[in-house]
PDB file of N, CA and C in Angstrom:
ATOM      1  N   ILE A   1       0.895  -1.354  -0.176  1.00  0.00           N
ATOM      2  CA  ILE A   1      -0.258   0.253   0.019  1.00  0.00           C
ATOM      3  C   ILE A   1       1.133   1.339   0.028  1.00  0.00           C
ATOM      4  N   VAL A   2       0.656   2.683  -1.215  1.00  0.00           N
ATOM      5  CA  VAL A   2       1.138   3.116  -0.634  1.00  0.00           C
ATOM      6  C   VAL A   2       0.056   4.206  -1.010  1.00  0.00           C
ATOM      7  N   ILE A   3       0.965   5.354   0.304  1.00  0.00           N
ATOM      8  CA  ILE A   3       0.669   6.429   0.542  1.00  0.00           C
ATOM      9  C   ILE A   3       0.190   7.944   0.364  1.00  0.00           C
ATOM     10  N   PRO A   4       0.258   8.371  -0.316  1.00  0.00           N
ATOM     11  CA  PRO A   4       0.737   9.456  -0.506  1.00  0.00           C
ATOM     12  C   PRO A   4      -0.235  10.848   0.451  1.00  0.00           C
ATOM     13  N   SER A   5       0.866  12.025   0.960  1.00  0.00           N
ATOM     14  CA  SER A   5       0.335  12.440   2.616  1.00  0.00           C
ATOM     15  C   SER A   5      -0.155  13.910   1.797  1.00  0.00           C
ATOM     16  N   GLN A   6       0.921  14.524   0.537  1.00  0.00           N
ATOM     17  CA  GLN A   6       0.303  15.911   0.157  1.00  0.00           C
ATOM     18  C   GLN A   6      -0.121  15.779  -0.608  1.00  0.00           C
ATOM     19  N   GLY A   7      -1.092  17.039  -0.376  1.00  0.00           N
ATOM     20  CA  GLY A   7      -1.841  17.302  -2.396  1.00  0.00           C
ATOM     21  C   GLY A   7      -3.077  17.645  -1.242  1.00  0.00           C
ATOM     22  N   ALA A   8      -3.368  18.641  -0.162  1.00  0.00           N
ATOM     23  CA  ALA A   8      -4.914  19.242  -0.445  1.00  0.00           C
ATOM     24  C   ALA A   8      -5.394  19.892  -0.944  1.00  0.00           C
ATOM     25  N   GLY A   9      -6.695  19.662  -1.026  1.00  0.00           N
ATOM     26  CA  GLY A   9      -7.201  19.786  -2.619  1.00  0.00           C
ATOM     27  C   GLY A   9      -6.402  20.605  -4.137  1.00  0.00           C
ATOM     28  N   SER A  10      -5.907  18.942  -4.252  1.00  0.00           N
ATOM     29  CA  SER A  10      -4.988  19.149  -5.422  1.00  0.00           C
ATOM     30  C   SER A  10      -5.821  18.806  -6.221  1.00  0.00           C
ATOM     31  N   MET A  11      -6.898  17.527  -5.844  1.00  0.00           N
ATOM     32  CA  MET A  11      -7.990  16.625  -6.089  1.00  0.00           C
ATOM     33  C   MET A  11      -6.888  15.985  -7.130  1.00  0.00           C
ATOM     34  N   TRP A  12      -5.736  15.712  -7.542  1.00  0.00           N
ATOM     35  CA  TRP A  12      -5.301  14.518  -7.293  1.00  0.00           C
ATOM     36  C   TRP A  12      -4.886  13.878  -8.941  1.00  0.00           C
ATOM     37  N   THR A  13      -5.151  15.556  -9.016  1.00  0.00           N
ATOM     38  CA  THR A  13      -5.267  15.594 -11.360  1.00  0.00           C
ATOM     39  C   THR A  13      -4.277  16.286 -11.417  1.00  0.00           C
ATOM     40  N   ASP A  14      -3.842  16.258 -12.765  1.00  0.00           N
ATOM     41  CA  ASP A  14      -2.972  17.296 -12.900  1.00  0.00           C
ATOM     42  C   ASP A  14      -3.128  19.029 -13.527  1.00  0.00           C
ATOM     43  N   TRP A  15      -2.793  19.433 -12.961  1.00  0.00           N
ATOM     44  CA  TRP A  15      -3.329  21.218 -13.203  1.00  0.00           C
ATOM     45  C   TRP A  15      -3.137  22.015 -14.297  1.00  0.00           C
ATOM     46  N   ASN A  16      -4.006  22.759 -14.989  1.00  0.00           N
ATOM     47  CA  ASN A  16      -3.426  22.897 -16.451  1.00  0.00           C
ATOM     48  C   ASN A  16      -3.037  24.450 -15.952  1.00  0.00           C
ATOM     49  N   GLU A  17      -2.573  25.636 -15.085  1.00  0.00           N
ATOM     50  CA  GLU A  17      -2.012  26.602 -13.884  1.00  0.00           C
ATOM     51  C   GLU A  17      -2.060  26.787 -13.246  1.00  0.00           C
ATOM     52  N   ASP A  18      -0.801  27.621 -12.860  1.00  0.00           N
ATOM     53  CA  ASP A  18       0.866  27.419 -11.580  1.00  0.00           C
ATOM     54  C   ASP A  18      -0.433  27.940 -10.956  1.00  0.00           C
ATOM     55  N   ASP A  19      -0.306  27.199  -9.350  1.00  0.00           N
ATOM     56  CA  ASP A  19       0.051  28.161  -7.887  1.00  0.00           C
ATOM     57  C   ASP A  19       0.705  28.714  -8.085  1.00  0.00           C
ATOM     58  N   PRO A  20       0.424  30.461  -7.438  1.00  0.00           N
ATOM     59  CA  PRO A  20       1.567  31.397  -7.374  1.00  0.00           C
ATOM     60  C   PRO A  20       2.832  31.124  -6.007  1.00  0.00           C
ATOM     61  N   LYS A  21       2.077  30.330  -5.611  1.00  0.00           N
ATOM     62  CA  LYS A  21       3.031  29.821  -4.175  1.00  0.00           C
ATOM     63  C   LYS A  21       3.543  28.523  -4.764  1.00  0.00           C
ATOM     64  N   LEU A  22       2.542  27.552  -4.790  1.00  0.00           N
ATOM     65  CA  LEU A  22       2.688  25.963  -5.391  1.00  0.00           C
ATOM     66  C   LEU A  22       3.742  25.534  -6.638  1.00  0.00           C
ATOM     67  N   GLY A  23       3.842  25.520  -7.832  1.00  0.00           N
ATOM     68  CA  GLY A  23       3.662  25.774  -8.364  1.00  0.00           C
ATOM     69  C   GLY A  23       2.444  25.209  -9.325  1.00  0.00           C
ATOM     70  N   ARG A  24       3.024  24.341 -10.567  1.00  0.00           N
ATOM     71  CA  ARG A  24       1.990  23.361 -11.326  1.00  0.00           C
ATOM     72  C   ARG A  24       1.287  22.362 -10.817  1.00  0.00           C
ATOM     73  N   HIS A  25       0.519  21.242 -10.132  1.00  0.00           N
ATOM     74  CA  HIS A  25       0.360  20.033  -9.435  1.00  0.00           C
ATOM     75  C   HIS A  25       0.029  18.792 -10.848  1.00  0.00           C
ATOM     76  N   LYS A  26       0.768  18.162 -10.538  1.00  0.00           N
ATOM     77  CA  LYS A  26       1.162  17.329 -11.704  1.00  0.00           C
ATOM     78  C   LYS A  26       0.956  15.688 -10.703  1.00  0.00           C
ATOM     79  N   TRP A  27      -0.164  15.954  -9.900  1.00  0.00           N
ATOM     80  CA  TRP A  27       0.041  14.248  -9.068  1.00  0.00           C
ATOM     81  C   TRP A  27      -0.701  13.733  -9.567  1.00  0.00           C
ATOM     82  N   GLU A  28      -0.955  13.541 -11.194  1.00  0.00           N
ATOM     83  CA  GLU A  28      -1.799  12.153 -11.996  1.00  0.00           C
ATOM     84  C   GLU A  28      -0.529  11.899 -11.907  1.00  0.00           C
ATOM     85  N   THR A  29       0.640  12.457 -13.188  1.00  0.00           N
ATOM     86  CA  THR A  29       1.185  12.052 -13.986  1.00  0.00           C
ATOM     87  C   THR A  29       2.113  12.103 -12.896  1.00  0.00           C
ATOM     88  N   PHE A  30       2.312  12.654 -11.509  1.00  0.00           N
ATOM     89  CA  PHE A  30       3.691  11.365 -10.244  1.00  0.00           C
ATOM     90  C   PHE A  30       3.498   9.917 -10.433  1.00  0.00           C
ATOM     91  N   LEU A  31       1.804   9.870  -9.805  1.00  0.00           N
ATOM     92  CA  LEU A  31       0.788   9.018  -8.958  1.00  0.00           C
ATOM     93  C   LEU A  31       1.614   7.484 -10.348  1.00  0.00           C
ATOM     94  N   ILE A  32       1.112   7.876 -11.291  1.00  0.00           N
ATOM     95  CA  ILE A  32       0.546   7.387 -12.745  1.00  0.00           C
ATOM     96  C   ILE A  32       2.148   6.991 -13.650  1.00  0.00           C
ATOM     97  N   THR A  33       2.950   6.755 -14.116  1.00  0.00           N
ATOM     98  CA  THR A  33       4.242   7.650 -14.895  1.00  0.00           C
ATOM     99  C   THR A  33       5.154   7.904 -13.680  1.00  0.00           C
ATOM    100  N   GLU A  34       5.629   8.008 -12.794  1.00  0.00           N
ATOM    101  CA  GLU A  34       6.570   8.553 -12.197  1.00  0.00           C
ATOM    102  C   GLU A  34       6.669   6.867 -10.524  1.00  0.00           C
ATOM    103  N   LEU A  35       5.854   7.305 -10.515  1.00  0.00           N
ATOM    104  CA  LEU A  35       5.798   6.958  -8.535  1.00  0.00           C
ATOM    105  C   LEU A  35       5.497   5.161  -9.065  1.00  0.00           C
ATOM    106  N   ALA A  36       4.183   5.347  -9.577  1.00  0.00           N
ATOM    107  CA  ALA A  36       3.874   3.176 -10.185  1.00  0.00           C
ATOM    108  C   ALA A  36       5.336   2.412 -10.567  1.00  0.00           C
ATOM    109  N   PRO A  37       5.955   2.673 -11.791  1.00  0.00           N
ATOM    110  CA  PRO A  37       6.620   2.190 -11.844  1.00  0.00           C
ATOM    111  C   PRO A  37       7.969   1.963 -10.910  1.00  0.00           C
ATOM    112  N   LEU A  38       8.779   2.927  -9.993  1.00  0.00           N
ATOM    113  CA  LEU A  38       9.427   2.640  -9.539  1.00  0.00           C
ATOM    114  C   LEU A  38       9.087   1.808  -7.632  1.00  0.00           C
ATOM    115  N   VAL A  39       7.982   1.979  -7.911  1.00  0.00           N
ATOM    116  CA  VAL A  39       7.274   0.885  -6.417  1.00  0.00           C
ATOM    117  C   VAL A  39       6.781  -0.089  -6.849  1.00  0.00           C
ATOM    118  N   GLU A  40       7.187  -0.551  -8.274  1.00  0.00           N
ATOM    119  CA  GLU A  40       6.644  -2.020  -8.770  1.00  0.00           C
ATOM    120  C   GLU A  40       8.063  -2.040  -9.424  1.00  0.00           C
ATOM    121  N   ALA A  41       8.831  -1.994  -8.854  1.00  0.00           N
ATOM    122  CA  ALA A  41      10.212  -2.195  -9.180  1.00  0.00           C
ATOM    123  C   ALA A  41      10.948  -3.144  -8.205  1.00  0.00           C
ATOM    124  N   GLU A  42      10.310  -2.235  -7.062  1.00  0.00           N
ATOM    125  CA  GLU A  42      10.582  -2.188  -5.737  1.00  0.00           C
ATOM    126  C   GLU A  42      10.664  -3.602  -5.118  1.00  0.00           C
ATOM    127  N   LEU A  43       9.081  -4.319  -4.930  1.00  0.00           N
ATOM    128  CA  LEU A  43       8.512  -4.701  -3.722  1.00  0.00           C
ATOM    129  C   LEU A  43       7.931  -5.125  -4.878  1.00  0.00           C
ATOM    130  N   HIS A  44       7.393  -6.464  -3.902  1.00  0.00           N
ATOM    131  CA  HIS A  44       7.412  -6.943  -4.321  1.00  0.00           C
ATOM    132  C   HIS A  44       5.996  -7.563  -4.806  1.00  0.00           C
ATOM    133  N   HIS A  45       4.523  -7.440  -6.061  1.00  0.00           N
ATOM    134  CA  HIS A  45       3.126  -7.623  -5.710  1.00  0.00           C
ATOM    135  C   HIS A  45       3.006  -8.595  -6.325  1.00  0.00           C
ATOM    136  N   ASN A  46       1.435  -8.730  -7.024  1.00  0.00           N
ATOM    137  CA  ASN A  46       1.240  -9.402  -7.278  1.00  0.00           C
ATOM    138  C   ASN A  46       0.315  -9.154  -8.729  1.00  0.00           C
ATOM    139  N   GLY A  47       0.902  -8.008  -9.562  1.00  0.00           N
ATOM    140  CA  GLY A  47      -0.045  -7.074 -10.426  1.00  0.00           C
ATOM    141  C   GLY A  47      -1.175  -6.573 -10.633  1.00  0.00           C
ATOM    142  N   LYS A  48      -1.473  -6.529  -9.231  1.00  0.00           N
ATOM    143  CA  LYS A  48      -3.098  -5.887  -9.256  1.00  0.00           C
ATOM    144  C   LYS A  48      -1.887  -4.588  -8.932  1.00  0.00           C
ATOM    145  N   ARG A  49      -3.622  -3.651  -8.812  1.00  0.00           N
ATOM    146  CA  ARG A  49      -3.533  -2.340  -9.052  1.00  0.00           C
ATOM    147  C   ARG A  49      -4.675  -1.698  -8.496  1.00  0.00           C
ATOM    148  N   GLY A  50      -5.067  -1.315  -7.462  1.00  0.00           N
ATOM    149  CA  GLY A  50      -6.447  -0.236  -6.917  1.00  0.00           C
ATOM    150  C   GLY A  50      -6.541   0.966  -6.587  1.00  0.00           C
ATOM    151  N   LEU A  51      -7.038   1.578  -6.035  1.00  0.00           N
ATOM    152  CA  LEU A  51      -7.222   2.869  -5.878  1.00  0.00           C
ATOM    153  C   LEU A  51      -8.146   3.258  -5.020  1.00  0.00           C
ATOM    154  N   ILE A  52      -7.870   4.090  -4.068  1.00  0.00           N
ATOM    155  CA  ILE A  52      -9.064   4.098  -3.420  1.00  0.00           C
ATOM    156  C   ILE A  52      -8.754   6.423  -2.473  1.00  0.00           C
ATOM    157  N   GLY A  53     -10.055   6.703  -2.243  1.00  0.00           N
ATOM    158  CA  GLY A  53     -10.111   7.940  -2.124  1.00  0.00           C
ATOM    159  C   GLY A  53     -10.606   8.612  -0.790  1.00  0.00           C
ATOM    160  N   LEU A  54     -10.445   9.291  -0.362  1.00  0.00           N
ATOM    161  CA  LEU A  54     -11.648   9.719   0.544  1.00  0.00           C
ATOM    162  C   LEU A  54     -11.913  11.474  -0.118  1.00  0.00           C
ATOM    163  N   SER A  55     -13.222  11.361   0.718  1.00  0.00           N
ATOM    164  CA  SER A  55     -14.011  12.991   0.285  1.00  0.00           C
ATOM    165  C   SER A  55     -12.937  13.449  -1.036  1.00  0.00           C
ATOM    166  N   MET A  56     -12.103  14.144  -1.084  1.00  0.00           N
ATOM    167  CA  MET A  56     -11.537  15.275  -2.634  1.00  0.00           C
ATOM    168  C   MET A  56     -11.069  13.931  -2.936  1.00  0.00           C
ATOM    169  N   GLY A  57     -10.430  13.842  -2.116  1.00  0.00           N
ATOM    170  CA  GLY A  57      -9.067  11.970  -2.770  1.00  0.00           C
ATOM    171  C   GLY A  57     -10.007  11.232  -3.730  1.00  0.00           C
ATOM    172  N   ALA A  58     -11.002  11.271  -2.951  1.00  0.00           N
ATOM    173  CA  ALA A  58     -12.748  10.320  -3.676  1.00  0.00           C
ATOM    174  C   ALA A  58     -12.358  10.462  -5.415  1.00  0.00           C
ATOM    175  N   SER A  59     -13.196  11.795  -5.611  1.00  0.00           N
ATOM    176  CA  SER A  59     -13.151  12.085  -6.578  1.00  0.00           C
ATOM    177  C   SER A  59     -11.792  11.860  -7.425  1.00  0.00           C
ATOM    178  N   GLY A  60     -10.964  12.548  -7.075  1.00  0.00           N
ATOM    179  CA  GLY A  60      -9.514  11.828  -8.041  1.00  0.00           C
ATOM    180  C   GLY A  60      -9.347  11.023  -7.201  1.00  0.00           C
ATOM    181  N   ALA A  61      -9.678  10.100  -7.511  1.00  0.00           N
ATOM    182  CA  ALA A  61      -9.132   8.079  -7.434  1.00  0.00           C
ATOM    183  C   ALA A  61      -9.959   7.684  -8.322  1.00  0.00           C
ATOM    184  N   VAL A  62     -11.215   9.062  -8.740  1.00  0.00           N
ATOM    185  CA  VAL A  62     -12.104   7.984  -9.841  1.00  0.00           C
ATOM    186  C   VAL A  62     -11.740   8.794 -10.546  1.00  0.00           C
ATOM    187  N   MET A  63     -11.217  10.209 -11.027  1.00  0.00           N
ATOM    188  CA  MET A  63     -11.263  10.889 -11.603  1.00  0.00           C
ATOM    189  C   MET A  63      -9.984  10.107 -13.028  1.00  0.00           C
ATOM    190  N   MET A  64      -8.999   9.194 -11.710  1.00  0.00           N
ATOM    191  CA  MET A  64      -7.416   9.191 -12.337  1.00  0.00           C
ATOM    192  C   MET A  64      -7.446   7.491 -13.220  1.00  0.00           C
ATOM    193  N   ALA A  65      -9.034   6.504 -12.069  1.00  0.00           N
ATOM    194  CA  ALA A  65      -8.988   5.536 -13.101  1.00  0.00           C
ATOM    195  C   ALA A  65      -9.915   5.853 -14.268  1.00  0.00           C
ATOM    196  N   ASN A  66     -10.479   6.251 -13.949  1.00  0.00           N
ATOM    197  CA  ASN A  66     -11.187   6.942 -15.692  1.00  0.00           C
ATOM    198  C   ASN A  66      -9.882   7.187 -16.689  1.00  0.00           C
ATOM    199  N   ASN A  67      -9.949   8.701 -16.229  1.00  0.00           N
ATOM    200  CA  ASN A  67      -8.831   9.021 -17.493  1.00  0.00           C
ATOM    201  C   ASN A  67      -6.911   8.516 -17.558  1.00  0.00           C
ATOM    202  N   ASN A  68      -7.071   6.455 -16.793  1.00  0.00           N
ATOM    203  CA  ASN A  68      -6.174   5.820 -17.174  1.00  0.00           C
ATOM    204  C   ASN A  68      -7.149   4.263 -17.598  1.00  0.00           C
ATOM    205  N   PRO A  69      -7.874   4.253 -18.084  1.00  0.00           N
ATOM    206  CA  PRO A  69      -8.614   2.605 -18.542  1.00  0.00           C
ATOM    207  C   PRO A  69      -7.430   1.433 -18.673  1.00  0.00           C
ATOM    208  N   GLY A  70      -7.628   0.726 -18.484  1.00  0.00           N
ATOM    209  CA  GLY A  70      -6.610  -0.405 -18.064  1.00  0.00           C
ATOM    210  C   GLY A  70      -5.548  -0.328 -16.793  1.00  0.00           C
ATOM    211  N   PHE A  71      -5.069   0.946 -16.167  1.00  0.00           N
ATOM    212  CA  PHE A  71      -4.709   0.764 -15.681  1.00  0.00           C
ATOM    213  C   PHE A  71      -4.639   0.228 -14.024  1.00  0.00           C
ATOM    214  N   PHE A  72      -5.476   0.429 -13.599  1.00  0.00           N
ATOM    215  CA  PHE A  72      -6.066   0.315 -12.381  1.00  0.00           C
ATOM    216  C   PHE A  72      -6.699  -1.353 -11.729  1.00  0.00           C
ATOM    217  N   ASP A  73      -7.233  -1.824 -11.239  1.00  0.00           N
ATOM    218  CA  ASP A  73      -7.873  -3.226 -11.345  1.00  0.00           C
ATOM    219  C   ASP A  73      -9.395  -2.982 -10.730  1.00  0.00           C
ATOM    220  N   GLY A  74      -9.129  -1.864  -9.464  1.00  0.00           N
ATOM    221  CA  GLY A  74     -10.154  -1.456  -8.788  1.00  0.00           C
ATOM    222  C   GLY A  74     -10.188  -0.089  -8.393  1.00  0.00           C
ATOM    223  N   VAL A  75     -11.488   0.484  -8.451  1.00  0.00           N
ATOM    224  CA  VAL A  75     -11.130   2.074  -7.502  1.00  0.00           C
ATOM    225  C   VAL A  75     -11.982   2.149  -6.422  1.00  0.00           C
ATOM    226  N   ALA A  76     -12.381   2.901  -6.232  1.00  0.00           N
ATOM    227  CA  ALA A  76     -13.458   2.948  -4.425  1.00  0.00           C
ATOM    228  C   ALA A  76     -13.808   4.541  -4.340  1.00  0.00           C
ATOM    229  N   GLY A  77     -14.165   4.941  -4.513  1.00  0.00           N
ATOM    230  CA  GLY A  77     -13.896   6.520  -3.653  1.00  0.00           C
ATOM    231  C   GLY A  77     -15.321   6.429  -2.359  1.00  0.00           C
ATOM    232  N   ILE A  78     -14.754   6.887  -1.409  1.00  0.00           N
ATOM    233  CA  ILE A  78     -15.543   6.653  -0.204  1.00  0.00           C
ATOM    234  C   ILE A  78     -16.040   8.604  -0.017  1.00  0.00           C
ATOM    235  N   SER A  79     -17.191   9.187   0.287  1.00  0.00           N
ATOM    236  CA  SER A  79     -17.803  10.289   0.582  1.00  0.00           C
ATOM    237  C   SER A  79     -17.315  11.412  -0.184  1.00  0.00           C
ATOM    238  N   GLY A  80     -17.105  11.167  -1.826  1.00  0.00           N
ATOM    239  CA  GLY A  80     -16.602  12.152  -2.739  1.00  0.00           C
ATOM    240  C   GLY A  80     -17.328  13.385  -3.447  1.00  0.00           C
ATOM    241  N   CYS A  81     -16.589  14.083  -3.468  1.00  0.00           N
ATOM    242  CA  CYS A  81     -16.924  15.249  -3.691  1.00  0.00           C
ATOM    243  C   CYS A  81     -16.852  15.365  -5.629  1.00  0.00           C
ATOM    244  N   TYR A  82     -17.106  14.945  -6.155  1.00  0.00           N
ATOM    245  CA  TYR A  82     -17.812  14.186  -7.765  1.00  0.00           C
ATOM    246  C   TYR A  82     -17.982  15.228  -8.265  1.00  0.00           C
ATOM    247  N   SER A  83     -18.105  17.466  -7.737  1.00  0.00           N
ATOM    248  CA  SER A  83     -18.157  18.525  -8.517  1.00  0.00           C
ATOM    249  C   SER A  83     -16.822  19.487  -8.179  1.00  0.00           C
ATOM    250  N   THR A  84     -16.613  19.188  -9.354  1.00  0.00           N
ATOM    251  CA  THR A  84     -14.985  20.894  -8.556  1.00  0.00           C
ATOM    252  C   THR A  84     -15.602  22.230  -8.944  1.00  0.00           C
ATOM    253  N   THR A  85     -16.819  22.322  -9.617  1.00  0.00           N
ATOM    254  CA  THR A  85     -17.623  23.434  -9.969  1.00  0.00           C
ATOM    255  C   THR A  85     -18.681  23.792  -9.053  1.00  0.00           C
ATOM    256  N   SER A  86     -19.178  22.915  -8.400  1.00  0.00           N
ATOM    257  CA  SER A  86     -20.089  23.202  -7.100  1.00  0.00           C
ATOM    258  C   SER A  86     -19.878  24.214  -6.790  1.00  0.00           C
ATOM    259  N   GLN A  87     -20.601  25.332  -6.640  1.00  0.00           N
ATOM    260  CA  GLN A  87     -20.320  26.467  -5.083  1.00  0.00           C
ATOM    261  C   GLN A  87     -20.388  26.076  -4.055  1.00  0.00           C
ATOM    262  N   ILE A  88     -20.914  24.749  -3.730  1.00  0.00           N
ATOM    263  CA  ILE A  88     -20.577  24.541  -1.903  1.00  0.00           C
ATOM    264  C   ILE A  88     -19.364  24.282  -1.581  1.00  0.00           C
ATOM    265  N   LEU A  89     -18.585  23.859  -2.704  1.00  0.00           N
ATOM    266  CA  LEU A  89     -17.583  23.400  -2.401  1.00  0.00           C
ATOM    267  C   LEU A  89     -15.797  24.606  -2.283  1.00  0.00           C
ATOM    268  N   GLN A  90     -16.302  25.758  -2.885  1.00  0.00           N
ATOM    269  CA  GLN A  90     -15.785  27.407  -2.690  1.00  0.00           C
ATOM    270  C   GLN A  90     -14.667  27.242  -1.134  1.00  0.00           C
ATOM    271  N   PRO A  91     -15.274  27.033  -0.329  1.00  0.00           N
ATOM    272  CA  PRO A  91     -14.354  26.971   1.477  1.00  0.00           C
ATOM    273  C   PRO A  91     -14.312  25.436   1.792  1.00  0.00           C
ATOM    274  N   PHE A  92     -13.406  24.896   1.112  1.00  0.00           N
ATOM    275  CA  PHE A  92     -13.003  23.179   1.047  1.00  0.00           C
ATOM    276  C   PHE A  92     -11.585  23.800  -0.598  1.00  0.00           C
ATOM    277  N   TRP A  93     -11.626  24.782  -0.979  1.00  0.00           N
ATOM    278  CA  TRP A  93     -10.525  24.958  -1.553  1.00  0.00           C
ATOM    279  C   TRP A  93      -8.874  25.875  -1.420  1.00  0.00           C
ATOM    280  N   THR A  94      -8.818  25.189   0.016  1.00  0.00           N
ATOM    281  CA  THR A  94      -8.011  25.753   0.491  1.00  0.00           C
ATOM    282  C   THR A  94      -7.211  26.612  -0.278  1.00  0.00           C
ATOM    283  N   GLY A  95      -7.649  27.983  -0.659  1.00  0.00           N
ATOM    284  CA  GLY A  95      -7.151  29.346  -0.522  1.00  0.00           C
ATOM    285  C   GLY A  95      -7.039  28.980  -2.735  1.00  0.00           C
ATOM    286  N   ARG A  96      -7.086  27.824  -3.103  1.00  0.00           N
ATOM    287  CA  ARG A  96      -6.296  27.572  -4.081  1.00  0.00           C
ATOM    288  C   ARG A  96      -7.921  27.363  -5.569  1.00  0.00           C
ATOM    289  N   PRO A  97      -8.323  28.318  -6.172  1.00  0.00           N
ATOM    290  CA  PRO A  97      -9.199  27.959  -7.100  1.00  0.00           C
ATOM    291  C   PRO A  97      -9.384  27.146  -8.285  1.00  0.00           C
ATOM    292  N   PRO A  98     -10.566  26.778  -8.242  1.00  0.00           N
ATOM    293  CA  PRO A  98     -10.364  25.187  -9.624  1.00  0.00           C
ATOM    294  C   PRO A  98      -9.955  26.342 -10.748  1.00  0.00           C
ATOM    295  N   VAL A  99      -9.596  27.310 -10.814  1.00  0.00           N
ATOM    296  CA  VAL A  99      -9.604  28.044 -12.036  1.00  0.00           C
ATOM    297  C   VAL A  99      -7.907  27.271 -12.542  1.00  0.00           C
ATOM    298  N   LEU A 100      -7.540  26.116 -11.517  1.00  0.00           N
ATOM    299  CA  LEU A 100      -5.954  25.673 -11.456  1.00  0.00           C
ATOM    300  C   LEU A 100      -6.046  25.012 -11.854  1.00  0.00           C
ATOM    301  N   LEU A 101      -7.403  23.857 -11.625  1.00  0.00           N
ATOM    302  CA  LEU A 101      -7.180  22.762 -12.805  1.00  0.00           C
ATOM    303  C   LEU A 101      -6.985  22.506 -14.229  1.00  0.00           C
ATOM    304  N   VAL A 102      -8.470  23.888 -14.688  1.00  0.00           N
ATOM    305  CA  VAL A 102      -8.566  23.824 -15.850  1.00  0.00           C
ATOM    306  C   VAL A 102      -9.012  24.861 -16.383  1.00  0.00           C
ATOM    307  N   GLY A 103      -8.033  25.731 -16.128  1.00  0.00           N
ATOM    308  CA  GLY A 103      -7.662  27.061 -16.608  1.00  0.00           C
ATOM    309  C   GLY A 103      -8.800  28.153 -16.212  1.00  0.00           C
ATOM    310  N   GLU A 104      -8.578  29.349 -17.577  1.00  0.00           N
ATOM    311  CA  GLU A 104     -10.012  30.276 -16.930  1.00  0.00           C
ATOM    312  C   GLU A 104     -10.549  30.441 -18.772  1.00  0.00           C
ATOM    313  N   GLY A 105     -11.741  30.900 -18.234  1.00  0.00           N
ATOM    314  CA  GLY A 105     -12.881  30.815 -18.794  1.00  0.00           C
ATOM    315  C   GLY A 105     -13.080  29.356 -19.526  1.00  0.00           C
ATOM    316  N   PHE A 106     -13.557  27.440 -18.231  1.00  0.00           N
ATOM    317  CA  PHE A 106     -13.440  26.791 -19.279  1.00  0.00           C
ATOM    318  C   PHE A 106     -15.092  25.956 -19.562  1.00  0.00           C
ATOM    319  N   ASP A 107     -15.223  25.640 -20.057  1.00  0.00           N
ATOM    320  CA  ASP A 107     -16.960  25.243 -20.865  1.00  0.00           C
ATOM    321  C   ASP A 107     -16.252  23.527 -20.146  1.00  0.00           C
ATOM    322  N   SER A 108     -16.849  23.315 -19.325  1.00  0.00           N
ATOM    323  CA  SER A 108     -17.112  22.767 -18.508  1.00  0.00           C
ATOM    324  C   SER A 108     -17.714  20.807 -18.551  1.00  0.00           C
ATOM    325  N   SER A 109     -18.550  21.381 -20.189  1.00  0.00           N
ATOM    326  CA  SER A 109     -18.827  20.499 -21.180  1.00  0.00           C
ATOM    327  C   SER A 109     -18.403  20.126 -21.623  1.00  0.00           C
ATOM    328  N   LEU A 110     -16.636  20.802 -21.977  1.00  0.00           N
ATOM    329  CA  LEU A 110     -15.899  20.632 -23.205  1.00  0.00           C
ATOM    330  C   LEU A 110     -13.975  19.762 -22.034  1.00  0.00           C
ATOM    331  N   CYS A 111     -14.546  19.193 -20.343  1.00  0.00           N
ATOM    332  CA  CYS A 111     -13.659  18.739 -20.712  1.00  0.00           C
ATOM    333  C   CYS A 111     -13.472  17.748 -19.998  1.00  0.00           C
ATOM    334  N   THR A 112     -12.773  16.610 -20.098  1.00  0.00           N
ATOM    335  CA  THR A 112     -12.561  15.372 -19.656  1.00  0.00           C
ATOM    336  C   THR A 112     -11.732  14.932 -18.387  1.00  0.00           C
ATOM    337  N   SER A 113     -11.081  16.340 -17.857  1.00  0.00           N
ATOM    338  CA  SER A 113     -10.312  15.633 -16.706  1.00  0.00           C
ATOM    339  C   SER A 113     -11.265  15.926 -15.489  1.00  0.00           C
ATOM    340  N   LEU A 114     -12.232  15.992 -15.793  1.00  0.00           N
ATOM    341  CA  LEU A 114     -13.254  16.800 -14.320  1.00  0.00           C
ATOM    342  C   LEU A 114     -14.373  16.191 -14.010  1.00  0.00           C
ATOM    343  N   PRO A 115     -14.629  15.785 -13.375  1.00  0.00           N
ATOM    344  CA  PRO A 115     -16.374  15.186 -13.670  1.00  0.00           C
ATOM    345  C   PRO A 115     -17.372  15.772 -13.395  1.00  0.00           C
TER     346      PRO A 115
END
């Protein structure tokens, strides 16, 4: 089991814009293309991959599995926040607006990386 402990408010996705203090989040790239091969090369495993998340992590887990068909054998989301554009979520963005995820003036109907 690998459990990253950072990334609050990041939705565990690759952002399209930079955060003034943190730069550009690339969590999905890191977890899929960088971390997974390193872990699998070092640890004995059964060849199966699973993904689970809680709250905003649930949304990120489901999106990541959806964006990488066949990479994970299972996915679970517990108490997920599945709408990144809902006004009710604004207090939880920890000072980082959703625009950092998708860029200015996005049309959510065209966005495949967000629910």
